Amino acid sequence: MKYKLDAETLADIRDVLGQLGEAGPYSGRTMYEEECLAITTDDVARTFAWLGMGGRKFRELLDLMMESDIRYDASGKHNTVVYFPWIIIDEEVE
């Protein structure tokens, strides 16, 4: 079963990440053009530690991230894209 991420939660993630990374839709390998939640960052450990400090509003999402299939791709020389195929972004979110 897929989890649908709403616009408000995505905006909260983007606010918490600030300069550490970007959150948005991504279509990874073998996803056949389906899009899911992805976080692009130079420092994966620091970024997810920062999200963890976001408090209760991210607890359910972080638990889901840890329980789901976590994948990553290199996105250039320094960036890493960490994506979660089972967490889809609501179609109304841009």
PDB file of N, CA and C in Angstrom:
ATOM      1  N   MET A   1       0.841  -1.183   0.000  1.00  0.00           N
ATOM      2  CA  MET A   1       0.000   0.000   0.000  1.00  0.00           C
ATOM      3  C   MET A   1       0.889   1.251   0.000  1.00  0.00           C
ATOM      4  N   LYS A   2       0.507   2.195  -0.797  1.00  0.00           N
ATOM      5  CA  LYS A   2       1.279   3.428  -0.896  1.00  0.00           C
ATOM      6  C   LYS A   2       0.713   4.500   0.029  1.00  0.00           C
ATOM      7  N   TYR A   3       1.604   5.342   0.507  1.00  0.00           N
ATOM      8  CA  TYR A   3       1.254   6.466   1.359  1.00  0.00           C
ATOM      9  C   TYR A   3       1.240   7.718   0.496  1.00  0.00           C
ATOM     10  N   LYS A   4       0.177   8.506   0.590  1.00  0.00           N
ATOM     11  CA  LYS A   4       0.070   9.725  -0.204  1.00  0.00           C
ATOM     12  C   LYS A   4       0.459  10.929   0.643  1.00  0.00           C
ATOM     13  N   LEU A   5       1.502  11.610   0.219  1.00  0.00           N
ATOM     14  CA  LEU A   5       2.011  12.787   0.919  1.00  0.00           C
ATOM     15  C   LEU A   5       1.251  14.017   0.445  1.00  0.00           C
ATOM     16  N   ASP A   6       0.717  14.797   1.381  1.00  0.00           N
ATOM     17  CA  ASP A   6      -0.054  15.979   0.999  1.00  0.00           C
ATOM     18  C   ASP A   6       0.841  17.213   0.865  1.00  0.00           C
ATOM     19  N   ALA A   7       0.291  18.258   0.292  1.00  0.00           N
ATOM     20  CA  ALA A   7       1.032  19.489   0.008  1.00  0.00           C
ATOM     21  C   ALA A   7       1.555  20.140   1.287  1.00  0.00           C
ATOM     22  N   GLU A   8       0.780  20.124   2.346  1.00  0.00           N
ATOM     23  CA  GLU A   8       1.190  20.761   3.599  1.00  0.00           C
ATOM     24  C   GLU A   8       2.420  20.065   4.193  1.00  0.00           C
ATOM     25  N   THR A   9       2.416  18.733   4.191  1.00  0.00           N
ATOM     26  CA  THR A   9       3.548  17.996   4.737  1.00  0.00           C
ATOM     27  C   THR A   9       4.790  18.196   3.886  1.00  0.00           C
ATOM     28  N   LEU A  10       4.632  18.198   2.569  1.00  0.00           N
ATOM     29  CA  LEU A  10       5.776  18.453   1.695  1.00  0.00           C
ATOM     30  C   LEU A  10       6.345  19.841   1.942  1.00  0.00           C
ATOM     31  N   ALA A  11       5.489  20.829   2.120  1.00  0.00           N
ATOM     32  CA  ALA A  11       5.950  22.194   2.415  1.00  0.00           C
ATOM     33  C   ALA A  11       6.688  22.233   3.752  1.00  0.00           C
ATOM     34  N   ASP A  12       6.184  21.496   4.746  1.00  0.00           N
ATOM     35  CA  ASP A  12       6.861  21.428   6.044  1.00  0.00           C
ATOM     36  C   ASP A  12       8.249  20.802   5.909  1.00  0.00           C
ATOM     37  N   ILE A  13       8.345  19.747   5.126  1.00  0.00           N
ATOM     38  CA  ILE A  13       9.645  19.104   4.902  1.00  0.00           C
ATOM     39  C   ILE A  13      10.611  20.087   4.250  1.00  0.00           C
ATOM     40  N   ARG A  14      10.136  20.785   3.251  1.00  0.00           N
ATOM     41  CA  ARG A  14      10.986  21.763   2.562  1.00  0.00           C
ATOM     42  C   ARG A  14      11.451  22.861   3.513  1.00  0.00           C
ATOM     43  N   ASP A  15      10.562  23.313   4.388  1.00  0.00           N
ATOM     44  CA  ASP A  15      10.929  24.348   5.364  1.00  0.00           C
ATOM     45  C   ASP A  15      12.000  23.852   6.327  1.00  0.00           C
ATOM     46  N   VAL A  16      11.835  22.644   6.829  1.00  0.00           N
ATOM     47  CA  VAL A  16      12.793  22.098   7.782  1.00  0.00           C
ATOM     48  C   VAL A  16      14.147  21.853   7.119  1.00  0.00           C
ATOM     49  N   LEU A  17      14.135  21.377   5.894  1.00  0.00           N
ATOM     50  CA  LEU A  17      15.391  21.098   5.207  1.00  0.00           C
ATOM     51  C   LEU A  17      16.203  22.362   4.937  1.00  0.00           C
ATOM     52  N   GLY A  18      15.510  23.440   4.602  1.00  0.00           N
ATOM     53  CA  GLY A  18      16.216  24.684   4.319  1.00  0.00           C
ATOM     54  C   GLY A  18      17.302  24.496   3.273  1.00  0.00           C
ATOM     55  N   GLN A  19      18.519  24.853   3.623  1.00  0.00           N
ATOM     56  CA  GLN A  19      19.654  24.766   2.702  1.00  0.00           C
ATOM     57  C   GLN A  19      20.276  23.373   2.643  1.00  0.00           C
ATOM     58  N   LEU A  20      19.847  22.455   3.493  1.00  0.00           N
ATOM     59  CA  LEU A  20      20.447  21.115   3.520  1.00  0.00           C
ATOM     60  C   LEU A  20      20.075  20.262   2.322  1.00  0.00           C
ATOM     61  N   GLY A  21      18.899  20.486   1.777  1.00  0.00           N
ATOM     62  CA  GLY A  21      18.469  19.634   0.676  1.00  0.00           C
ATOM     63  C   GLY A  21      17.157  20.107   0.097  1.00  0.00           C
ATOM     64  N   GLU A  22      16.729  19.389  -0.910  1.00  0.00           N
ATOM     65  CA  GLU A  22      15.468  19.690  -1.578  1.00  0.00           C
ATOM     66  C   GLU A  22      14.574  18.459  -1.530  1.00  0.00           C
ATOM     67  N   ALA A  23      13.284  18.687  -1.373  1.00  0.00           N
ATOM     68  CA  ALA A  23      12.309  17.593  -1.375  1.00  0.00           C
ATOM     69  C   ALA A  23      11.333  17.818  -2.507  1.00  0.00           C
ATOM     70  N   GLY A  24      10.975  16.745  -3.182  1.00  0.00           N
ATOM     71  CA  GLY A  24      10.020  16.851  -4.276  1.00  0.00           C
ATOM     72  C   GLY A  24       9.811  15.516  -4.957  1.00  0.00           C
ATOM     73  N   PRO A  25       9.122  15.532  -6.081  1.00  0.00           N
ATOM     74  CA  PRO A  25       8.843  14.292  -6.802  1.00  0.00           C
ATOM     75  C   PRO A  25      10.074  13.793  -7.559  1.00  0.00           C
ATOM     76  N   TYR A  26      10.145  12.485  -7.719  1.00  0.00           N
ATOM     77  CA  TYR A  26      11.273  11.854  -8.405  1.00  0.00           C
ATOM     78  C   TYR A  26      10.796  10.543  -9.002  1.00  0.00           C
ATOM     79  N   SER A  27      11.328  10.207 -10.151  1.00  0.00           N
ATOM     80  CA  SER A  27      11.040   8.923 -10.777  1.00  0.00           C
ATOM     81  C   SER A  27      12.357   8.170 -10.912  1.00  0.00           C
ATOM     82  N   GLY A  28      12.554   7.198 -10.030  1.00  0.00           N
ATOM     83  CA  GLY A  28      13.813   6.459 -10.003  1.00  0.00           C
ATOM     84  C   GLY A  28      13.815   5.287 -10.965  1.00  0.00           C
ATOM     85  N   ARG A  29      14.938   4.583 -10.937  1.00  0.00           N
ATOM     86  CA  ARG A  29      15.085   3.408 -11.798  1.00  0.00           C
ATOM     87  C   ARG A  29      13.991   2.391 -11.509  1.00  0.00           C
ATOM     88  N   THR A  30      13.513   1.758 -12.520  1.00  0.00           N
ATOM     89  CA  THR A  30      12.458   0.736 -12.493  1.00  0.00           C
ATOM     90  C   THR A  30      11.128   1.225 -11.935  1.00  0.00           C
ATOM     91  N   MET A  31      10.907   2.533 -11.945  1.00  0.00           N
ATOM     92  CA  MET A  31       9.625   3.070 -11.466  1.00  0.00           C
ATOM     93  C   MET A  31       8.673   3.351 -12.622  1.00  0.00           C
ATOM     94  N   TYR A  32       9.157   3.232 -13.832  1.00  0.00           N
ATOM     95  CA  TYR A  32       8.321   3.369 -15.016  1.00  0.00           C
ATOM     96  C   TYR A  32       7.496   4.643 -15.016  1.00  0.00           C
ATOM     97  N   GLU A  33       8.159   5.756 -14.770  1.00  0.00           N
ATOM     98  CA  GLU A  33       7.609   7.106 -14.813  1.00  0.00           C
ATOM     99  C   GLU A  33       6.667   7.447 -13.666  1.00  0.00           C
ATOM    100  N   GLU A  34       6.474   6.562 -12.708  1.00  0.00           N
ATOM    101  CA  GLU A  34       5.727   6.928 -11.511  1.00  0.00           C
ATOM    102  C   GLU A  34       6.621   7.812 -10.657  1.00  0.00           C
ATOM    103  N   GLU A  35       6.024   8.750  -9.932  1.00  0.00           N
ATOM    104  CA  GLU A  35       6.809   9.649  -9.101  1.00  0.00           C
ATOM    105  C   GLU A  35       6.563   9.383  -7.622  1.00  0.00           C
ATOM    106  N   CYS A  36       7.607   9.586  -6.845  1.00  0.00           N
ATOM    107  CA  CYS A  36       7.525   9.386  -5.404  1.00  0.00           C
ATOM    108  C   CYS A  36       8.284  10.511  -4.707  1.00  0.00           C
ATOM    109  N   LEU A  37       8.265  10.502  -3.383  1.00  0.00           N
ATOM    110  CA  LEU A  37       9.003  11.477  -2.589  1.00  0.00           C
ATOM    111  C   LEU A  37      10.492  11.219  -2.705  1.00  0.00           C
ATOM    112  N   ALA A  38      11.249  12.281  -2.928  1.00  0.00           N
ATOM    113  CA  ALA A  38      12.704  12.189  -2.947  1.00  0.00           C
ATOM    114  C   ALA A  38      13.299  13.385  -2.230  1.00  0.00           C
ATOM    115  N   ILE A  39      14.434  13.152  -1.629  1.00  0.00           N
ATOM    116  CA  ILE A  39      15.196  14.222  -0.991  1.00  0.00           C
ATOM    117  C   ILE A  39      16.582  14.217  -1.615  1.00  0.00           C
ATOM    118  N   THR A  40      16.979  15.363  -2.139  1.00  0.00           N
ATOM    119  CA  THR A  40      18.291  15.525  -2.767  1.00  0.00           C
ATOM    120  C   THR A  40      19.165  16.334  -1.821  1.00  0.00           C
ATOM    121  N   THR A  41      20.357  15.805  -1.542  1.00  0.00           N
ATOM    122  CA  THR A  41      21.231  16.454  -0.563  1.00  0.00           C
ATOM    123  C   THR A  41      22.690  16.091  -0.797  1.00  0.00           C
ATOM    124  N   ASP A  42      23.574  16.896  -0.263  1.00  0.00           N
ATOM    125  CA  ASP A  42      25.005  16.593  -0.253  1.00  0.00           C
ATOM    126  C   ASP A  42      25.387  15.770   0.969  1.00  0.00           C
ATOM    127  N   ASP A  43      24.576  15.819   2.025  1.00  0.00           N
ATOM    128  CA  ASP A  43      24.906  15.168   3.293  1.00  0.00           C
ATOM    129  C   ASP A  43      23.682  14.405   3.801  1.00  0.00           C
ATOM    130  N   VAL A  44      23.575  13.148   3.407  1.00  0.00           N
ATOM    131  CA  VAL A  44      22.398  12.340   3.726  1.00  0.00           C
ATOM    132  C   VAL A  44      22.188  12.205   5.233  1.00  0.00           C
ATOM    133  N   ALA A  45      23.222  11.857   5.967  1.00  0.00           N
ATOM    134  CA  ALA A  45      23.079  11.643   7.410  1.00  0.00           C
ATOM    135  C   ALA A  45      22.607  12.910   8.118  1.00  0.00           C
ATOM    136  N   ARG A  46      23.228  14.020   7.820  1.00  0.00           N
ATOM    137  CA  ARG A  46      22.854  15.287   8.469  1.00  0.00           C
ATOM    138  C   ARG A  46      21.426  15.691   8.111  1.00  0.00           C
ATOM    139  N   THR A  47      21.059  15.489   6.863  1.00  0.00           N
ATOM    140  CA  THR A  47      19.717  15.856   6.402  1.00  0.00           C
ATOM    141  C   THR A  47      18.645  15.076   7.143  1.00  0.00           C
ATOM    142  N   PHE A  48      18.822  13.766   7.275  1.00  0.00           N
ATOM    143  CA  PHE A  48      17.802  12.968   7.954  1.00  0.00           C
ATOM    144  C   PHE A  48      17.822  13.175   9.466  1.00  0.00           C
ATOM    145  N   ALA A  49      18.977  13.490  10.022  1.00  0.00           N
ATOM    146  CA  ALA A  49      19.027  13.859  11.442  1.00  0.00           C
ATOM    147  C   ALA A  49      18.243  15.150  11.656  1.00  0.00           C
ATOM    148  N   TRP A  50      18.391  16.088  10.741  1.00  0.00           N
ATOM    149  CA  TRP A  50      17.672  17.362  10.823  1.00  0.00           C
ATOM    150  C   TRP A  50      16.163  17.133  10.717  1.00  0.00           C
ATOM    151  N   LEU A  51      15.757  16.258   9.807  1.00  0.00           N
ATOM    152  CA  LEU A  51      14.332  15.927   9.694  1.00  0.00           C
ATOM    153  C   LEU A  51      13.826  15.309  10.995  1.00  0.00           C
ATOM    154  N   GLY A  52      14.641  14.473  11.607  1.00  0.00           N
ATOM    155  CA  GLY A  52      14.259  13.838  12.861  1.00  0.00           C
ATOM    156  C   GLY A  52      14.027  14.845  13.970  1.00  0.00           C
ATOM    157  N   MET A  53      14.697  15.986  13.879  1.00  0.00           N
ATOM    158  CA  MET A  53      14.513  17.030  14.876  1.00  0.00           C
ATOM    159  C   MET A  53      13.270  17.867  14.585  1.00  0.00           C
ATOM    160  N   GLY A  54      12.567  17.541  13.498  1.00  0.00           N
ATOM    161  CA  GLY A  54      11.355  18.261  13.125  1.00  0.00           C
ATOM    162  C   GLY A  54      10.183  17.987  14.050  1.00  0.00           C
ATOM    163  N   GLY A  55      10.338  17.037  14.936  1.00  0.00           N
ATOM    164  CA  GLY A  55       9.315  16.785  15.943  1.00  0.00           C
ATOM    165  C   GLY A  55       8.196  15.870  15.495  1.00  0.00           C
ATOM    166  N   ARG A  56       7.077  16.002  16.195  1.00  0.00           N
ATOM    167  CA  ARG A  56       5.934  15.105  15.997  1.00  0.00           C
ATOM    168  C   ARG A  56       5.375  15.109  14.589  1.00  0.00           C
ATOM    169  N   LYS A  57       5.430  16.255  13.920  1.00  0.00           N
ATOM    170  CA  LYS A  57       4.787  16.316  12.605  1.00  0.00           C
ATOM    171  C   LYS A  57       5.443  15.388  11.591  1.00  0.00           C
ATOM    172  N   PHE A  58       6.694  14.985  11.846  1.00  0.00           N
ATOM    173  CA  PHE A  58       7.375  14.084  10.918  1.00  0.00           C
ATOM    174  C   PHE A  58       7.502  12.662  11.442  1.00  0.00           C
ATOM    175  N   ARG A  59       7.056  12.425  12.660  1.00  0.00           N
ATOM    176  CA  ARG A  59       7.248  11.098  13.262  1.00  0.00           C
ATOM    177  C   ARG A  59       6.646   9.987  12.403  1.00  0.00           C
ATOM    178  N   GLU A  60       5.391  10.133  11.992  1.00  0.00           N
ATOM    179  CA  GLU A  60       4.738   9.108  11.177  1.00  0.00           C
ATOM    180  C   GLU A  60       5.463   8.940   9.841  1.00  0.00           C
ATOM    181  N   LEU A  61       5.816  10.056   9.225  1.00  0.00           N
ATOM    182  CA  LEU A  61       6.496   9.993   7.938  1.00  0.00           C
ATOM    183  C   LEU A  61       7.873   9.348   8.070  1.00  0.00           C
ATOM    184  N   LEU A  62       8.644   9.715   9.079  1.00  0.00           N
ATOM    185  CA  LEU A  62       9.966   9.116   9.276  1.00  0.00           C
ATOM    186  C   LEU A  62       9.855   7.626   9.571  1.00  0.00           C
ATOM    187  N   ASP A  63       8.860   7.230  10.361  1.00  0.00           N
ATOM    188  CA  ASP A  63       8.639   5.803  10.615  1.00  0.00           C
ATOM    189  C   ASP A  63       8.348   5.078   9.311  1.00  0.00           C
ATOM    190  N   LEU A  64       7.500   5.685   8.486  1.00  0.00           N
ATOM    191  CA  LEU A  64       7.160   5.093   7.196  1.00  0.00           C
ATOM    192  C   LEU A  64       8.402   5.003   6.298  1.00  0.00           C
ATOM    193  N   MET A  65       9.226   6.048   6.310  1.00  0.00           N
ATOM    194  CA  MET A  65      10.454   6.034   5.515  1.00  0.00           C
ATOM    195  C   MET A  65      11.354   4.866   5.924  1.00  0.00           C
ATOM    196  N   MET A  66      11.482   4.654   7.220  1.00  0.00           N
ATOM    197  CA  MET A  66      12.358   3.598   7.711  1.00  0.00           C
ATOM    198  C   MET A  66      11.820   2.200   7.419  1.00  0.00           C
ATOM    199  N   GLU A  67      10.514   2.075   7.344  1.00  0.00           N
ATOM    200  CA  GLU A  67       9.896   0.776   7.100  1.00  0.00           C
ATOM    201  C   GLU A  67       9.752   0.475   5.615  1.00  0.00           C
ATOM    202  N   SER A  68       9.874   1.494   4.779  1.00  0.00           N
ATOM    203  CA  SER A  68       9.643   1.299   3.349  1.00  0.00           C
ATOM    204  C   SER A  68      10.945   0.997   2.615  1.00  0.00           C
ATOM    205  N   ASP A  69      10.801   0.749   1.366  1.00  0.00           N
ATOM    206  CA  ASP A  69      11.927   0.510   0.483  1.00  0.00           C
ATOM    207  C   ASP A  69      12.649   1.833   0.255  1.00  0.00           C
ATOM    208  N   ILE A  70      13.888   1.941   0.712  1.00  0.00           N
ATOM    209  CA  ILE A  70      14.667   3.162   0.542  1.00  0.00           C
ATOM    210  C   ILE A  70      15.672   2.925  -0.576  1.00  0.00           C
ATOM    211  N   ARG A  71      15.687   3.832  -1.534  1.00  0.00           N
ATOM    212  CA  ARG A  71      16.619   3.722  -2.652  1.00  0.00           C
ATOM    213  C   ARG A  71      17.364   5.033  -2.812  1.00  0.00           C
ATOM    214  N   TYR A  72      18.472   4.977  -3.525  1.00  0.00           N
ATOM    215  CA  TYR A  72      19.209   6.214  -3.783  1.00  0.00           C
ATOM    216  C   TYR A  72      19.907   6.145  -5.129  1.00  0.00           C
ATOM    217  N   ASP A  73      20.144   7.316  -5.676  1.00  0.00           N
ATOM    218  CA  ASP A  73      20.874   7.474  -6.936  1.00  0.00           C
ATOM    219  C   ASP A  73      21.849   8.622  -6.770  1.00  0.00           C
ATOM    220  N   ALA A  74      22.961   8.535  -7.483  1.00  0.00           N
ATOM    221  CA  ALA A  74      23.871   9.679  -7.549  1.00  0.00           C
ATOM    222  C   ALA A  74      23.271  10.664  -8.533  1.00  0.00           C
ATOM    223  N   SER A  75      23.252  11.916  -8.158  1.00  0.00           N
ATOM    224  CA  SER A  75      22.656  12.941  -9.012  1.00  0.00           C
ATOM    225  C   SER A  75      23.709  13.996  -9.316  1.00  0.00           C
ATOM    226  N   GLY A  76      24.762  13.587  -9.937  1.00  0.00           N
ATOM    227  CA  GLY A  76      25.840  14.516 -10.222  1.00  0.00           C
ATOM    228  C   GLY A  76      27.038  14.212  -9.352  1.00  0.00           C
ATOM    229  N   LYS A  77      27.955  15.136  -9.310  1.00  0.00           N
ATOM    230  CA  LYS A  77      29.224  14.902  -8.635  1.00  0.00           C
ATOM    231  C   LYS A  77      29.100  14.826  -7.116  1.00  0.00           C
ATOM    232  N   HIS A  78      28.238  15.640  -6.518  1.00  0.00           N
ATOM    233  CA  HIS A  78      28.180  15.693  -5.070  1.00  0.00           C
ATOM    234  C   HIS A  78      26.822  15.340  -4.476  1.00  0.00           C
ATOM    235  N   ASN A  79      25.754  15.441  -5.218  1.00  0.00           N
ATOM    236  CA  ASN A  79      24.419  15.218  -4.662  1.00  0.00           C
ATOM    237  C   ASN A  79      24.011  13.754  -4.691  1.00  0.00           C
ATOM    238  N   THR A  80      23.206  13.394  -3.702  1.00  0.00           N
ATOM    239  CA  THR A  80      22.591  12.078  -3.645  1.00  0.00           C
ATOM    240  C   THR A  80      21.087  12.282  -3.582  1.00  0.00           C
ATOM    241  N   VAL A  81      20.357  11.476  -4.330  1.00  0.00           N
ATOM    242  CA  VAL A  81      18.901  11.488  -4.281  1.00  0.00           C
ATOM    243  C   VAL A  81      18.471  10.249  -3.511  1.00  0.00           C
ATOM    244  N   VAL A  82      17.808  10.465  -2.379  1.00  0.00           N
ATOM    245  CA  VAL A  82      17.256   9.376  -1.586  1.00  0.00           C
ATOM    246  C   VAL A  82      15.762   9.390  -1.858  1.00  0.00           C
ATOM    247  N   TYR A  83      15.228   8.268  -2.338  1.00  0.00           N
ATOM    248  CA  TYR A  83      13.810   8.271  -2.688  1.00  0.00           C
ATOM    249  C   TYR A  83      13.078   7.069  -2.123  1.00  0.00           C
ATOM    250  N   PHE A  84      11.768   7.256  -1.994  1.00  0.00           N
ATOM    251  CA  PHE A  84      10.902   6.315  -1.305  1.00  0.00           C
ATOM    252  C   PHE A  84       9.749   5.936  -2.229  1.00  0.00           C
ATOM    253  N   PRO A  85       9.893   4.841  -2.980  1.00  0.00           N
ATOM    254  CA  PRO A  85       8.879   4.476  -3.978  1.00  0.00           C
ATOM    255  C   PRO A  85       7.469   4.289  -3.441  1.00  0.00           C
ATOM    256  N   TRP A  86       7.318   4.018  -2.162  1.00  0.00           N
ATOM    257  CA  TRP A  86       5.987   3.781  -1.601  1.00  0.00           C
ATOM    258  C   TRP A  86       5.363   5.032  -1.020  1.00  0.00           C
ATOM    259  N   ILE A  87       6.079   6.159  -1.101  1.00  0.00           N
ATOM    260  CA  ILE A  87       5.526   7.423  -0.624  1.00  0.00           C
ATOM    261  C   ILE A  87       5.314   8.315  -1.844  1.00  0.00           C
ATOM    262  N   ILE A  88       4.068   8.405  -2.282  1.00  0.00           N
ATOM    263  CA  ILE A  88       3.775   9.195  -3.473  1.00  0.00           C
ATOM    264  C   ILE A  88       3.319  10.595  -3.075  1.00  0.00           C
ATOM    265  N   ILE A  89       3.552  11.531  -3.967  1.00  0.00           N
ATOM    266  CA  ILE A  89       3.161  12.909  -3.720  1.00  0.00           C
ATOM    267  C   ILE A  89       1.816  13.143  -4.384  1.00  0.00           C
ATOM    268  N   ASP A  90       0.909  13.743  -3.632  1.00  0.00           N
ATOM    269  CA  ASP A  90      -0.423  14.040  -4.151  1.00  0.00           C
ATOM    270  C   ASP A  90      -0.311  14.743  -5.490  1.00  0.00           C
ATOM    271  N   GLU A  91      -1.125  14.351  -6.450  1.00  0.00           N
ATOM    272  CA  GLU A  91      -1.069  14.895  -7.801  1.00  0.00           C
ATOM    273  C   GLU A  91      -1.253  16.406  -7.849  1.00  0.00           C
ATOM    274  N   GLU A  92      -1.889  16.971  -6.847  1.00  0.00           N
ATOM    275  CA  GLU A  92      -2.139  18.407  -6.838  1.00  0.00           C
ATOM    276  C   GLU A  92      -0.917  19.194  -6.395  1.00  0.00           C
ATOM    277  N   VAL A  93       0.095  18.518  -5.871  1.00  0.00           N
ATOM    278  CA  VAL A  93       1.301  19.187  -5.405  1.00  0.00           C
ATOM    279  C   VAL A  93       2.235  19.402  -6.576  1.00  0.00           C
ATOM    280  N   GLU A  94       2.785  20.600  -6.676  1.00  0.00           N
ATOM    281  CA  GLU A  94       3.734  20.871  -7.758  1.00  0.00           C
ATOM    282  C   GLU A  94       5.136  20.907  -7.210  1.00  0.00           C
TER     283      GLU A  94
END
